[in-house]
Amino acid sequence: MLTVMMALHAFGETPSDSVKVYFRVGQRQFDPALRNNRAVMDSFVNIVRKANEENNIEHLSVSGYASPDGTSNANERLSALRCDAIANYVAEHTGISRGLIETIPGGVAWEELRRMVAANHDVPSREKVLDILDNTPIWIFNPEGKIIDGRKAQLMSLDRGEPYRWLLKHIFPELRNAVAVTVFYKAEMSELSAQSEISELSDLSDLSDLSDLSDLSDLSDLSDLSDLSDLTDRSYL
């Protein structure tokens, strides 16, 4: 049933290709020479250029983040500037309209930081760091509305700053990116691509005939299925 649902969604936008690029500390300019930025972006640009020529692109999104080492306002501004840098780069090198590229600056990537800490057992005082990330608000105010503490401050003071210094060296560089550049295609799934998806799903092997997915408004061709009474309670939907 997964493929049937995928085919039904074929008439909405479909995110398909996404890449991540990195920035130098405190910099807003995209540097193709940094790490594998050039290879990653060249490949992505070629994909977008071809899809644009075929008029298959719905829109693109650029989501930007920064690491906690810096003031909150500065991080948010930097994130927005990096998003714009990548959006402009993609538009310039693919010919796609800048108006089709959405930028989503996100400030400090707290959720991604939490995921990376949880996955890395080398983080000093790892459980304490996770507790701060899970339970400490970004800002803590006194009754007068003045900021008196917060998540970053507690990370910096934890165990004489050792965990924060480790994060600064090993984790924060991974957060300094203009990130996930994602292309959303016009979802007009061809019969051929739908059939290709079906062939890869072994759990649909009981279907006797799914040769025609061009019109899914009539599911009479699926009469060989033993039970279609409940499509909502399937772990793979």
Foldseek 3Di string as FASTA:
>chain_A
DVLLVVLVCLQDWAWDDKDWAFDDPPDQAGDCVPDNNVVRVVVVLVVLLVCVVVVWFQAKEWEFEAAPPDDQVSQQVSLQSNQVNVLVVSCVSRVDDSVRYHYHYDYHPLVVLLVVLVVDPVQPVSVVLNCLSVPWAQFDADPVGDTDDGSVRCCCPPPNRPNVVVCVPPPRSVRRISTIIITITNRPDDLVVSVVVVVVDPVCVQAPDPSDPNDSVDPPSRVSDPDPPDPPPDPVD
